[in-house]
């Protein structure tokens, strides 16, 4: 176990500890924006494996097998996912583990920071508990999401001793230990209980209500498509129907891509969404529903009004 200054530091240290020049790191897309850059900083090469709403934004075992080369060193998984909210079911993880088992050089970084923000019937399964995977997996978690402690910068990783020792060595020469104040606050959070504890359970129930509301609203948008999130607090609709050649908005101009669509929503109705290009998923926008129902209702009303001024194309 290594306690870090946020889960982000834990991820970066694992990537640096196990990969370097000449290595490939496999990253399913949509991905958290820092993954590819962390890989590049280590000297390794990020290999992006696209997924789609139609496949629930889940990497298949067949995709993983087809992408592997002798240079493959690390697979990064995030479940529940930022930015999609996708949750890998046990069968999908078992299929991926079977591929990993056939490639002895391949390791897995399992980012489980949203572990406790999950909506039944979905169930979280940790990759390291699968047969033979503990020795191949570094599991990263933290306090920022389930315990709403983003600013405290407390994360941790659990990994085989050689990976943990290497990550701790990197940390010792960069930031050293997490602050004692944040450690005390994290101890207090743990004493509240995990997913079964009342404070966390109340928060997850509120997120689920917001998820259901946002999903209903998006389903009514002509041409939109989305895999309904099963965890985290993000939705990632495919809005390619509102972009492309010939698509424009009155008073704004052409909307060739979702980067421009996000700018249109910001400028026309003052709603900030993140374009999918940043997550390796052009054609999508990420919506965070970590806000009150009052704010979400107003935001979705504004987005719907803005999209209503755009003539959508058939989905492509």
C-alpha atoms as a PDB file:
ATOM      1  CA  UNK A   1       0.000   0.000   0.000  1.00  0.00           C
ATOM      2  CA  UNK A   2       1.188   3.496  -0.847  1.00  0.00           C
ATOM      3  CA  UNK A   3      -0.673   6.580   0.428  1.00  0.00           C
ATOM      4  CA  UNK A   4      -0.387   9.397  -2.099  1.00  0.00           C
ATOM      5  CA  UNK A   5      -1.254  13.051  -2.610  1.00  0.00           C
ATOM      6  CA  UNK A   6      -4.438  12.173  -4.481  1.00  0.00           C
ATOM      7  CA  UNK A   7      -5.306   9.205  -6.700  1.00  0.00           C
ATOM      8  CA  UNK A   8      -3.885  11.115  -9.663  1.00  0.00           C
ATOM      9  CA  UNK A   9      -0.398  10.880  -8.177  1.00  0.00           C
ATOM     10  CA  UNK A  10      -0.849   7.160  -7.569  1.00  0.00           C
ATOM     11  CA  UNK A  11      -1.740   6.582 -11.233  1.00  0.00           C
ATOM     12  CA  UNK A  12       1.191   8.636 -12.508  1.00  0.00           C
ATOM     13  CA  UNK A  13       3.629   6.823 -10.229  1.00  0.00           C
ATOM     14  CA  UNK A  14       2.454   3.389 -11.332  1.00  0.00           C
ATOM     15  CA  UNK A  15       2.760   4.365 -15.005  1.00  0.00           C
ATOM     16  CA  UNK A  16       6.294   5.680 -14.424  1.00  0.00           C
ATOM     17  CA  UNK A  17       7.258   2.679 -12.302  1.00  0.00           C
ATOM     18  CA  UNK A  18       6.342  -0.027 -14.815  1.00  0.00           C
ATOM     19  CA  UNK A  19       6.636   1.541 -18.281  1.00  0.00           C
ATOM     20  CA  UNK A  20       9.144   3.546 -20.283  1.00  0.00           C
ATOM     21  CA  UNK A  21      10.568   4.130 -23.761  1.00  0.00           C
ATOM     22  CA  UNK A  22       9.662   1.325 -26.142  1.00  0.00           C
ATOM     23  CA  UNK A  23       6.594   0.259 -24.152  1.00  0.00           C
ATOM     24  CA  UNK A  24       2.942   0.573 -25.163  1.00  0.00           C
ATOM     25  CA  UNK A  25       0.165   1.410 -22.700  1.00  0.00           C
ATOM     26  CA  UNK A  26      -3.353   0.420 -23.769  1.00  0.00           C
ATOM     27  CA  UNK A  27      -6.105   2.932 -22.933  1.00  0.00           C
ATOM     28  CA  UNK A  28      -9.795   2.297 -23.727  1.00  0.00           C
ATOM     29  CA  UNK A  29     -11.573   5.426 -24.991  1.00  0.00           C
ATOM     30  CA  UNK A  30     -13.388   7.441 -23.788  1.00  0.00           C
ATOM     31  CA  UNK A  31     -10.652   7.900 -21.183  1.00  0.00           C
ATOM     32  CA  UNK A  32      -9.822  10.303 -18.395  1.00  0.00           C
ATOM     33  CA  UNK A  33      -7.857  13.106 -20.018  1.00  0.00           C
ATOM     34  CA  UNK A  34      -4.648  12.617 -18.008  1.00  0.00           C
ATOM     35  CA  UNK A  35      -4.000   8.972 -18.922  1.00  0.00           C
ATOM     36  CA  UNK A  36      -2.327   9.518 -22.325  1.00  0.00           C
ATOM     37  CA  UNK A  37      -0.266  12.444 -21.045  1.00  0.00           C
ATOM     38  CA  UNK A  38       0.972  10.457 -18.053  1.00  0.00           C
ATOM     39  CA  UNK A  39       2.030   7.708 -20.438  1.00  0.00           C
ATOM     40  CA  UNK A  40       3.893  10.159 -22.672  1.00  0.00           C
ATOM     41  CA  UNK A  41       5.679  11.625 -19.649  1.00  0.00           C
ATOM     42  CA  UNK A  42       6.963   8.141 -18.830  1.00  0.00           C
ATOM     43  CA  UNK A  43       8.414   7.828 -22.343  1.00  0.00           C
ATOM     44  CA  UNK A  44       5.977   5.074 -23.304  1.00  0.00           C
ATOM     45  CA  UNK A  45       3.439   5.257 -26.144  1.00  0.00           C
ATOM     46  CA  UNK A  46      -0.323   5.455 -25.476  1.00  0.00           C
ATOM     47  CA  UNK A  47      -2.413   3.101 -27.642  1.00  0.00           C
ATOM     48  CA  UNK A  48      -6.051   4.208 -27.674  1.00  0.00           C
ATOM     49  CA  UNK A  49      -8.756   1.543 -28.086  1.00  0.00           C
ATOM     50  CA  UNK A  50     -12.080   3.197 -29.047  1.00  0.00           C
ATOM     51  CA  UNK A  51     -15.412   2.004 -27.652  1.00  0.00           C
ATOM     52  CA  UNK A  52     -18.928   3.193 -28.494  1.00  0.00           C
ATOM     53  CA  UNK A  53     -22.298   3.819 -26.802  1.00  0.00           C
ATOM     54  CA  UNK A  54     -23.625   0.757 -28.634  1.00  0.00           C
ATOM     55  CA  UNK A  55     -21.145  -1.457 -26.736  1.00  0.00           C
ATOM     56  CA  UNK A  56     -21.805   0.351 -23.484  1.00  0.00           C
ATOM     57  CA  UNK A  57     -18.373   2.017 -23.668  1.00  0.00           C
ATOM     58  CA  UNK A  58     -16.844  -1.304 -22.562  1.00  0.00           C
ATOM     59  CA  UNK A  59     -13.601  -2.683 -23.991  1.00  0.00           C
ATOM     60  CA  UNK A  60     -14.079  -6.221 -25.293  1.00  0.00           C
ATOM     61  CA  UNK A  61     -11.627  -9.051 -24.853  1.00  0.00           C
ATOM     62  CA  UNK A  62     -11.434  -9.359 -28.640  1.00  0.00           C
ATOM     63  CA  UNK A  63     -10.408  -5.707 -28.970  1.00  0.00           C
ATOM     64  CA  UNK A  64      -7.729  -6.126 -26.322  1.00  0.00           C
ATOM     65  CA  UNK A  65      -6.332  -9.287 -27.902  1.00  0.00           C
ATOM     66  CA  UNK A  66      -6.176  -7.664 -31.331  1.00  0.00           C
ATOM     67  CA  UNK A  67      -4.280  -4.645 -29.983  1.00  0.00           C
ATOM     68  CA  UNK A  68      -1.550  -6.508 -28.102  1.00  0.00           C
ATOM     69  CA  UNK A  69       2.022  -6.537 -29.376  1.00  0.00           C
ATOM     70  CA  UNK A  70       5.346  -7.619 -27.853  1.00  0.00           C
ATOM     71  CA  UNK A  71       5.690  -4.005 -26.657  1.00  0.00           C
ATOM     72  CA  UNK A  72       2.426  -4.031 -24.680  1.00  0.00           C
ATOM     73  CA  UNK A  73       3.216  -3.327 -21.027  1.00  0.00           C
ATOM     74  CA  UNK A  74       0.161  -1.885 -19.272  1.00  0.00           C
ATOM     75  CA  UNK A  75      -3.628  -1.822 -19.650  1.00  0.00           C
ATOM     76  CA  UNK A  76      -5.461   1.017 -17.883  1.00  0.00           C
ATOM     77  CA  UNK A  77      -9.036   0.261 -16.830  1.00  0.00           C
ATOM     78  CA  UNK A  78     -11.394   2.683 -15.101  1.00  0.00           C
ATOM     79  CA  UNK A  79     -14.567   1.230 -13.592  1.00  0.00           C
ATOM     80  CA  UNK A  80     -16.884   2.934 -12.803  1.00  0.00           C
ATOM     81  CA  UNK A  81     -15.682   5.167 -15.594  1.00  0.00           C
ATOM     82  CA  UNK A  82     -14.863   8.817 -15.862  1.00  0.00           C
ATOM     83  CA  UNK A  83     -16.092  10.127 -18.339  1.00  0.00           C
ATOM     84  CA  UNK A  84     -18.856   7.659 -19.295  1.00  0.00           C
ATOM     85  CA  UNK A  85     -20.162   6.199 -16.028  1.00  0.00           C
ATOM     86  CA  UNK A  86     -19.792   2.713 -17.535  1.00  0.00           C
ATOM     87  CA  UNK A  87     -19.333  -0.194 -15.102  1.00  0.00           C
ATOM     88  CA  UNK A  88     -17.645  -3.402 -16.228  1.00  0.00           C
ATOM     89  CA  UNK A  89     -19.725  -6.465 -15.295  1.00  0.00           C
ATOM     90  CA  UNK A  90     -17.913  -9.458 -13.843  1.00  0.00           C
ATOM     91  CA  UNK A  91     -18.143 -11.446 -17.085  1.00  0.00           C
ATOM     92  CA  UNK A  92     -16.455  -8.682 -19.074  1.00  0.00           C
ATOM     93  CA  UNK A  93     -13.626  -8.388 -16.542  1.00  0.00           C
ATOM     94  CA  UNK A  94     -13.149 -12.159 -16.528  1.00  0.00           C
ATOM     95  CA  UNK A  95     -12.839 -12.145 -20.315  1.00  0.00           C
ATOM     96  CA  UNK A  96     -10.237  -9.374 -20.161  1.00  0.00           C
ATOM     97  CA  UNK A  97      -8.372 -11.223 -17.398  1.00  0.00           C
ATOM     98  CA  UNK A  98      -8.183 -14.320 -19.584  1.00  0.00           C
ATOM     99  CA  UNK A  99      -6.420 -12.251 -22.255  1.00  0.00           C
ATOM    100  CA  UNK A 100      -4.057 -10.699 -19.711  1.00  0.00           C
ATOM    101  CA  UNK A 101      -3.202 -14.173 -18.383  1.00  0.00           C
ATOM    102  CA  UNK A 102      -2.002 -15.234 -21.844  1.00  0.00           C
ATOM    103  CA  UNK A 103       0.440 -12.319 -22.039  1.00  0.00           C
ATOM    104  CA  UNK A 104       2.885 -12.507 -19.108  1.00  0.00           C
ATOM    105  CA  UNK A 105       4.471  -9.107 -19.777  1.00  0.00           C
ATOM    106  CA  UNK A 106       1.146  -7.243 -19.580  1.00  0.00           C
ATOM    107  CA  UNK A 107       0.193  -5.510 -16.310  1.00  0.00           C
ATOM    108  CA  UNK A 108      -3.082  -3.793 -15.363  1.00  0.00           C
ATOM    109  CA  UNK A 109      -3.727  -0.462 -13.668  1.00  0.00           C
ATOM    110  CA  UNK A 110      -7.268  -0.532 -12.266  1.00  0.00           C
ATOM    111  CA  UNK A 111      -8.571   2.965 -11.466  1.00  0.00           C
ATOM    112  CA  UNK A 112     -11.449   2.432  -9.017  1.00  0.00           C
ATOM    113  CA  UNK A 113     -11.844   5.952  -7.647  1.00  0.00           C
ATOM    114  CA  UNK A 114     -15.643   5.829  -8.244  1.00  0.00           C
ATOM    115  CA  UNK A 115     -16.010   2.394  -6.612  1.00  0.00           C
ATOM    116  CA  UNK A 116     -18.709   3.467  -4.155  1.00  0.00           C
ATOM    117  CA  UNK A 117     -20.745   5.621  -6.552  1.00  0.00           C
ATOM    118  CA  UNK A 118     -22.602   2.846  -8.331  1.00  0.00           C
ATOM    119  CA  UNK A 119     -26.272   2.267  -9.099  1.00  0.00           C
ATOM    120  CA  UNK A 120     -27.921  -1.156  -8.575  1.00  0.00           C
ATOM    121  CA  UNK A 121     -28.276  -3.564 -10.241  1.00  0.00           C
ATOM    122  CA  UNK A 122     -24.717  -2.717 -11.306  1.00  0.00           C
ATOM    123  CA  UNK A 123     -22.070  -4.158  -8.986  1.00  0.00           C
ATOM    124  CA  UNK A 124     -18.443  -3.111  -8.657  1.00  0.00           C
ATOM    125  CA  UNK A 125     -15.821  -5.843  -9.128  1.00  0.00           C
ATOM    126  CA  UNK A 126     -12.164  -5.166  -8.445  1.00  0.00           C
ATOM    127  CA  UNK A 127      -9.894  -6.530 -11.167  1.00  0.00           C
ATOM    128  CA  UNK A 128      -7.199  -7.661  -8.728  1.00  0.00           C
ATOM    129  CA  UNK A 129      -9.473 -10.232  -7.073  1.00  0.00           C
ATOM    130  CA  UNK A 130      -9.846 -12.249 -10.287  1.00  0.00           C
ATOM    131  CA  UNK A 131      -7.797 -15.480 -10.349  1.00  0.00           C
ATOM    132  CA  UNK A 132      -4.143 -14.795 -11.086  1.00  0.00           C
ATOM    133  CA  UNK A 133      -4.624 -11.030 -11.399  1.00  0.00           C
ATOM    134  CA  UNK A 134      -3.402  -9.812  -7.978  1.00  0.00           C
ATOM    135  CA  UNK A 135       0.204 -10.324  -9.066  1.00  0.00           C
ATOM    136  CA  UNK A 136      -0.449  -8.362 -12.277  1.00  0.00           C
ATOM    137  CA  UNK A 137      -2.589  -5.462 -11.013  1.00  0.00           C
ATOM    138  CA  UNK A 138      -2.072  -2.079  -9.358  1.00  0.00           C
ATOM    139  CA  UNK A 139      -5.364  -0.832  -7.883  1.00  0.00           C
ATOM    140  CA  UNK A 140      -5.823   2.909  -7.368  1.00  0.00           C
ATOM    141  CA  UNK A 141      -8.463   4.566  -5.190  1.00  0.00           C
ATOM    142  CA  UNK A 142      -8.933   7.668  -3.076  1.00  0.00           C
ATOM    143  CA  UNK A 143     -11.210   9.844  -0.981  1.00  0.00           C
ATOM    144  CA  UNK A 144     -12.217  12.621  -3.365  1.00  0.00           C
ATOM    145  CA  UNK A 145     -15.327  11.038  -4.874  1.00  0.00           C
ATOM    146  CA  UNK A 146     -17.121   8.803  -2.353  1.00  0.00           C
ATOM    147  CA  UNK A 147     -16.285  11.110   0.538  1.00  0.00           C
ATOM    148  CA  UNK A 148     -16.423  14.433  -1.363  1.00  0.00           C
ATOM    149  CA  UNK A 149     -12.859  15.305  -0.289  1.00  0.00           C
ATOM    150  CA  UNK A 150     -11.406  16.532  -3.586  1.00  0.00           C
ATOM    151  CA  UNK A 151      -9.351  19.342  -2.105  1.00  0.00           C
ATOM    152  CA  UNK A 152      -7.772  17.149   0.582  1.00  0.00           C
ATOM    153  CA  UNK A 153      -5.630  15.302  -1.997  1.00  0.00           C
ATOM    154  CA  UNK A 154      -5.696  11.814  -0.514  1.00  0.00           C
ATOM    155  CA  UNK A 155      -5.275   8.717  -2.679  1.00  0.00           C
ATOM    156  CA  UNK A 156      -3.724   5.302  -2.391  1.00  0.00           C
ATOM    157  CA  UNK A 157      -2.670   2.290  -4.376  1.00  0.00           C
ATOM    158  CA  UNK A 158      -2.532  -1.408  -3.581  1.00  0.00           C
ATOM    159  CA  UNK A 159      -0.110  -3.437  -5.664  1.00  0.00           C
ATOM    160  CA  UNK A 160       2.445  -6.242  -5.591  1.00  0.00           C
ATOM    161  CA  UNK A 161       5.397  -5.246  -3.416  1.00  0.00           C
ATOM    162  CA  UNK A 162       7.749  -4.525  -6.305  1.00  0.00           C
ATOM    163  CA  UNK A 163       5.330  -2.065  -7.922  1.00  0.00           C
ATOM    164  CA  UNK A 164       4.466  -0.416  -4.602  1.00  0.00           C
ATOM    165  CA  UNK A 165       8.149  -0.038  -3.699  1.00  0.00           C
ATOM    166  CA  UNK A 166       8.953   1.544  -7.063  1.00  0.00           C
ATOM    167  CA  UNK A 167       5.997   3.948  -6.799  1.00  0.00           C
ATOM    168  CA  UNK A 168       6.976   4.872  -3.238  1.00  0.00           C
ATOM    169  CA  UNK A 169      10.529   5.514  -4.398  1.00  0.00           C
ATOM    170  CA  UNK A 170       9.299   7.954  -7.054  1.00  0.00           C
ATOM    171  CA  UNK A 171       7.083   9.683  -4.506  1.00  0.00           C
ATOM    172  CA  UNK A 172       9.939   9.964  -2.024  1.00  0.00           C
ATOM    173  CA  UNK A 173      11.940  11.997  -4.525  1.00  0.00           C
ATOM    174  CA  UNK A 174       9.063  14.219  -5.638  1.00  0.00           C
ATOM    175  CA  UNK A 175       6.388  15.125  -3.072  1.00  0.00           C
ATOM    176  CA  UNK A 176       7.074  12.796  -0.120  1.00  0.00           C
ATOM    177  CA  UNK A 177       4.092  11.884   2.066  1.00  0.00           C
ATOM    178  CA  UNK A 178       0.524  13.108   2.061  1.00  0.00           C
ATOM    179  CA  UNK A 179      -0.106  15.830   4.655  1.00  0.00           C
ATOM    180  CA  UNK A 180      -0.850  14.725   8.196  1.00  0.00           C
ATOM    181  CA  UNK A 181      -3.977  16.919   8.278  1.00  0.00           C
ATOM    182  CA  UNK A 182      -5.418  15.187   5.193  1.00  0.00           C
ATOM    183  CA  UNK A 183      -4.571  11.795   6.689  1.00  0.00           C
ATOM    184  CA  UNK A 184      -6.537  12.645   9.853  1.00  0.00           C
ATOM    185  CA  UNK A 185      -9.492  13.824   7.771  1.00  0.00           C
ATOM    186  CA  UNK A 186      -9.382  10.604   5.738  1.00  0.00           C
ATOM    187  CA  UNK A 187      -9.394   8.516   8.906  1.00  0.00           C
ATOM    188  CA  UNK A 188     -12.541  10.344  10.000  1.00  0.00           C
ATOM    189  CA  UNK A 189     -14.116   9.628   6.592  1.00  0.00           C
ATOM    190  CA  UNK A 190     -13.333   5.921   6.845  1.00  0.00           C
ATOM    191  CA  UNK A 191     -15.026   5.820  10.241  1.00  0.00           C
ATOM    192  CA  UNK A 192     -18.240   6.984   8.539  1.00  0.00           C
ATOM    193  CA  UNK A 193     -18.349   3.676   6.654  1.00  0.00           C
ATOM    194  CA  UNK A 194     -17.953   2.766   2.982  1.00  0.00           C
ATOM    195  CA  UNK A 195     -20.771   2.198   0.488  1.00  0.00           C
ATOM    196  CA  UNK A 196     -23.033   0.763   3.181  1.00  0.00           C
ATOM    197  CA  UNK A 197     -22.556   3.768   5.450  1.00  0.00           C
ATOM    198  CA  UNK A 198     -25.447   6.195   5.715  1.00  0.00           C
ATOM    199  CA  UNK A 199     -23.668   9.397   4.540  1.00  0.00           C
ATOM    200  CA  UNK A 200     -22.261   7.731   1.417  1.00  0.00           C
ATOM    201  CA  UNK A 201     -25.494   5.839   0.710  1.00  0.00           C
ATOM    202  CA  UNK A 202     -27.527   9.076   0.871  1.00  0.00           C
ATOM    203  CA  UNK A 203     -25.156  10.757  -1.557  1.00  0.00           C
ATOM    204  CA  UNK A 204     -25.305   7.835  -4.004  1.00  0.00           C
ATOM    205  CA  UNK A 205     -29.111   7.816  -3.847  1.00  0.00           C
ATOM    206  CA  UNK A 206     -29.128  11.515  -4.725  1.00  0.00           C
ATOM    207  CA  UNK A 207     -26.750  10.919  -7.639  1.00  0.00           C
ATOM    208  CA  UNK A 208     -28.970   8.125  -8.920  1.00  0.00           C
ATOM    209  CA  UNK A 209     -31.988  10.430  -8.982  1.00  0.00           C
ATOM    210  CA  UNK A 210     -29.979  13.002 -10.911  1.00  0.00           C
ATOM    211  CA  UNK A 211     -28.703  10.314 -13.294  1.00  0.00           C
ATOM    212  CA  UNK A 212     -32.244   9.166 -14.016  1.00  0.00           C
ATOM    213  CA  UNK A 213     -33.386  12.727 -14.650  1.00  0.00           C
ATOM    214  CA  UNK A 214     -30.509  13.571 -16.992  1.00  0.00           C
ATOM    215  CA  UNK A 215     -30.915  10.286 -18.899  1.00  0.00           C
ATOM    216  CA  UNK A 216     -34.650  10.960 -19.433  1.00  0.00           C
ATOM    217  CA  UNK A 217     -33.959  14.432 -20.747  1.00  0.00           C
ATOM    218  CA  UNK A 218     -31.226  13.273 -23.137  1.00  0.00           C
ATOM    219  CA  UNK A 219     -33.448  10.465 -24.457  1.00  0.00           C
ATOM    220  CA  UNK A 220     -35.882  13.137 -25.686  1.00  0.00           C
ATOM    221  CA  UNK A 221     -33.261  14.947 -27.775  1.00  0.00           C
ATOM    222  CA  UNK A 222     -33.727  14.020 -31.475  1.00  0.00           C
ATOM    223  CA  UNK A 223     -30.686  12.186 -32.829  1.00  0.00           C
ATOM    224  CA  UNK A 224     -28.949  11.773 -29.451  1.00  0.00           C
ATOM    225  CA  UNK A 225     -27.680   8.385 -28.256  1.00  0.00           C
ATOM    226  CA  UNK A 226     -26.254   7.387 -24.888  1.00  0.00           C
ATOM    227  CA  UNK A 227     -25.270   4.387 -22.825  1.00  0.00           C
ATOM    228  CA  UNK A 228     -27.031   5.011 -19.501  1.00  0.00           C
ATOM    229  CA  UNK A 229     -24.370   5.457 -16.784  1.00  0.00           C
ATOM    230  CA  UNK A 230     -24.213   2.774 -14.086  1.00  0.00           C
ATOM    231  CA  UNK A 231     -21.777   4.614 -11.832  1.00  0.00           C
ATOM    232  CA  UNK A 232     -19.819   7.828 -11.203  1.00  0.00           C
ATOM    233  CA  UNK A 233     -21.669  11.090 -11.896  1.00  0.00           C
ATOM    234  CA  UNK A 234     -21.185  11.670 -15.612  1.00  0.00           C
ATOM    235  CA  UNK A 235     -23.272  11.198 -18.735  1.00  0.00           C
ATOM    236  CA  UNK A 236     -21.717  11.142 -22.196  1.00  0.00           C
ATOM    237  CA  UNK A 237     -24.289  11.454 -24.972  1.00  0.00           C
ATOM    238  CA  UNK A 238     -23.347  11.019 -28.615  1.00  0.00           C
ATOM    239  CA  UNK A 239     -24.393  14.279 -30.279  1.00  0.00           C
ATOM    240  CA  UNK A 240     -22.881  13.847 -33.734  1.00  0.00           C
ATOM    241  CA  UNK A 241     -26.347  14.529 -35.135  1.00  0.00           C
ATOM    242  CA  UNK A 242     -25.876  18.169 -34.093  1.00  0.00           C
ATOM    243  CA  UNK A 243     -22.530  18.571 -35.862  1.00  0.00           C
ATOM    244  CA  UNK A 244     -21.054  18.263 -39.334  1.00  0.00           C
ATOM    245  CA  UNK A 245     -21.137  19.802 -42.773  1.00  0.00           C
ATOM    246  CA  UNK A 246     -24.127  22.068 -43.217  1.00  0.00           C
ATOM    247  CA  UNK A 247     -25.060  22.162 -39.520  1.00  0.00           C
ATOM    248  CA  UNK A 248     -25.336  25.636 -38.014  1.00  0.00           C
ATOM    249  CA  UNK A 249     -27.088  27.621 -35.309  1.00  0.00           C
ATOM    250  CA  UNK A 250     -28.777  30.992 -35.876  1.00  0.00           C
ATOM    251  CA  UNK A 251     -26.601  33.850 -34.711  1.00  0.00           C
ATOM    252  CA  UNK A 252     -23.647  31.535 -34.086  1.00  0.00           C
ATOM    253  CA  UNK A 253     -22.628  29.903 -37.341  1.00  0.00           C
ATOM    254  CA  UNK A 254     -21.359  26.493 -38.411  1.00  0.00           C
ATOM    255  CA  UNK A 255     -21.036  23.619 -35.936  1.00  0.00           C
ATOM    256  CA  UNK A 256     -18.583  21.200 -37.569  1.00  0.00           C
ATOM    257  CA  UNK A 257     -17.734  19.206 -34.409  1.00  0.00           C
ATOM    258  CA  UNK A 258     -18.592  18.766 -30.735  1.00  0.00           C
ATOM    259  CA  UNK A 259     -15.786  21.086 -29.677  1.00  0.00           C
ATOM    260  CA  UNK A 260     -17.670  23.831 -31.511  1.00  0.00           C
ATOM    261  CA  UNK A 261     -20.994  22.529 -30.172  1.00  0.00           C
ATOM    262  CA  UNK A 262     -19.691  22.919 -26.620  1.00  0.00           C
ATOM    263  CA  UNK A 263     -18.634  26.485 -27.404  1.00  0.00           C
ATOM    264  CA  UNK A 264     -22.086  27.191 -28.888  1.00  0.00           C
ATOM    265  CA  UNK A 265     -23.799  25.977 -25.688  1.00  0.00           C
ATOM    266  CA  UNK A 266     -21.445  28.037 -23.547  1.00  0.00           C
ATOM    267  CA  UNK A 267     -21.885  31.234 -25.553  1.00  0.00           C
ATOM    268  CA  UNK A 268     -25.612  30.941 -26.291  1.00  0.00           C
ATOM    269  CA  UNK A 269     -27.042  29.576 -23.020  1.00  0.00           C
ATOM    270  CA  UNK A 270     -24.091  29.764 -20.561  1.00  0.00           C
ATOM    271  CA  UNK A 271     -23.895  26.002 -19.916  1.00  0.00           C
ATOM    272  CA  UNK A 272     -20.408  24.455 -19.723  1.00  0.00           C
ATOM    273  CA  UNK A 273     -20.037  20.916 -21.076  1.00  0.00           C
ATOM    274  CA  UNK A 274     -16.766  19.211 -21.967  1.00  0.00           C
ATOM    275  CA  UNK A 275     -16.267  18.135 -25.618  1.00  0.00           C
ATOM    276  CA  UNK A 276     -15.539  14.462 -26.145  1.00  0.00           C
ATOM    277  CA  UNK A 277     -12.411  15.225 -28.166  1.00  0.00           C
ATOM    278  CA  UNK A 278     -10.606  15.718 -24.830  1.00  0.00           C
ATOM    279  CA  UNK A 279     -11.527  12.164 -23.811  1.00  0.00           C
ATOM    280  CA  UNK A 280     -10.687  10.479 -27.097  1.00  0.00           C
ATOM    281  CA  UNK A 281     -14.370  10.340 -28.083  1.00  0.00           C
ATOM    282  CA  UNK A 282     -15.175  12.899 -30.821  1.00  0.00           C
ATOM    283  CA  UNK A 283     -18.880  13.391 -31.333  1.00  0.00           C
ATOM    284  CA  UNK A 284     -19.763  13.265 -27.628  1.00  0.00           C
ATOM    285  CA  UNK A 285     -20.119  15.753 -24.786  1.00  0.00           C
ATOM    286  CA  UNK A 286     -19.531  14.973 -21.107  1.00  0.00           C
ATOM    287  CA  UNK A 287     -22.180  16.154 -18.661  1.00  0.00           C
ATOM    288  CA  UNK A 288     -21.445  16.192 -14.938  1.00  0.00           C
ATOM    289  CA  UNK A 289     -24.586  15.802 -12.834  1.00  0.00           C
ATOM    290  CA  UNK A 290     -22.780  16.511  -9.553  1.00  0.00           C
ATOM    291  CA  UNK A 291     -25.100  19.466  -9.010  1.00  0.00           C
ATOM    292  CA  UNK A 292     -28.442  20.160  -7.378  1.00  0.00           C
ATOM    293  CA  UNK A 293     -31.661  19.174  -9.158  1.00  0.00           C
ATOM    294  CA  UNK A 294     -32.513  22.869  -9.411  1.00  0.00           C
ATOM    295  CA  UNK A 295     -29.270  23.587 -11.259  1.00  0.00           C
ATOM    296  CA  UNK A 296     -29.588  20.466 -13.427  1.00  0.00           C
ATOM    297  CA  UNK A 297     -33.160  21.315 -14.414  1.00  0.00           C
ATOM    298  CA  UNK A 298     -32.179  24.828 -15.458  1.00  0.00           C
ATOM    299  CA  UNK A 299     -29.099  23.555 -17.325  1.00  0.00           C
ATOM    300  CA  UNK A 300     -30.981  20.852 -19.217  1.00  0.00           C
ATOM    301  CA  UNK A 301     -33.737  23.322 -20.126  1.00  0.00           C
ATOM    302  CA  UNK A 302     -31.125  25.681 -21.546  1.00  0.00           C
ATOM    303  CA  UNK A 303     -29.303  22.967 -23.498  1.00  0.00           C
ATOM    304  CA  UNK A 304     -32.570  21.663 -24.909  1.00  0.00           C
ATOM    305  CA  UNK A 305     -33.531  25.178 -25.988  1.00  0.00           C
ATOM    306  CA  UNK A 306     -30.166  25.686 -27.692  1.00  0.00           C
ATOM    307  CA  UNK A 307     -30.258  22.304 -29.444  1.00  0.00           C
ATOM    308  CA  UNK A 308     -33.791  23.066 -30.594  1.00  0.00           C
ATOM    309  CA  UNK A 309     -32.376  25.861 -32.733  1.00  0.00           C
ATOM    310  CA  UNK A 310     -30.119  23.387 -34.548  1.00  0.00           C
ATOM    311  CA  UNK A 311     -31.519  21.129 -37.267  1.00  0.00           C
ATOM    312  CA  UNK A 312     -30.186  17.664 -36.357  1.00  0.00           C
ATOM    313  CA  UNK A 313     -28.913  15.239 -38.979  1.00  0.00           C
ATOM    314  CA  UNK A 314     -29.599  11.500 -39.047  1.00  0.00           C
ATOM    315  CA  UNK A 315     -27.185   9.648 -36.718  1.00  0.00           C
ATOM    316  CA  UNK A 316     -24.051   8.434 -38.456  1.00  0.00           C
END
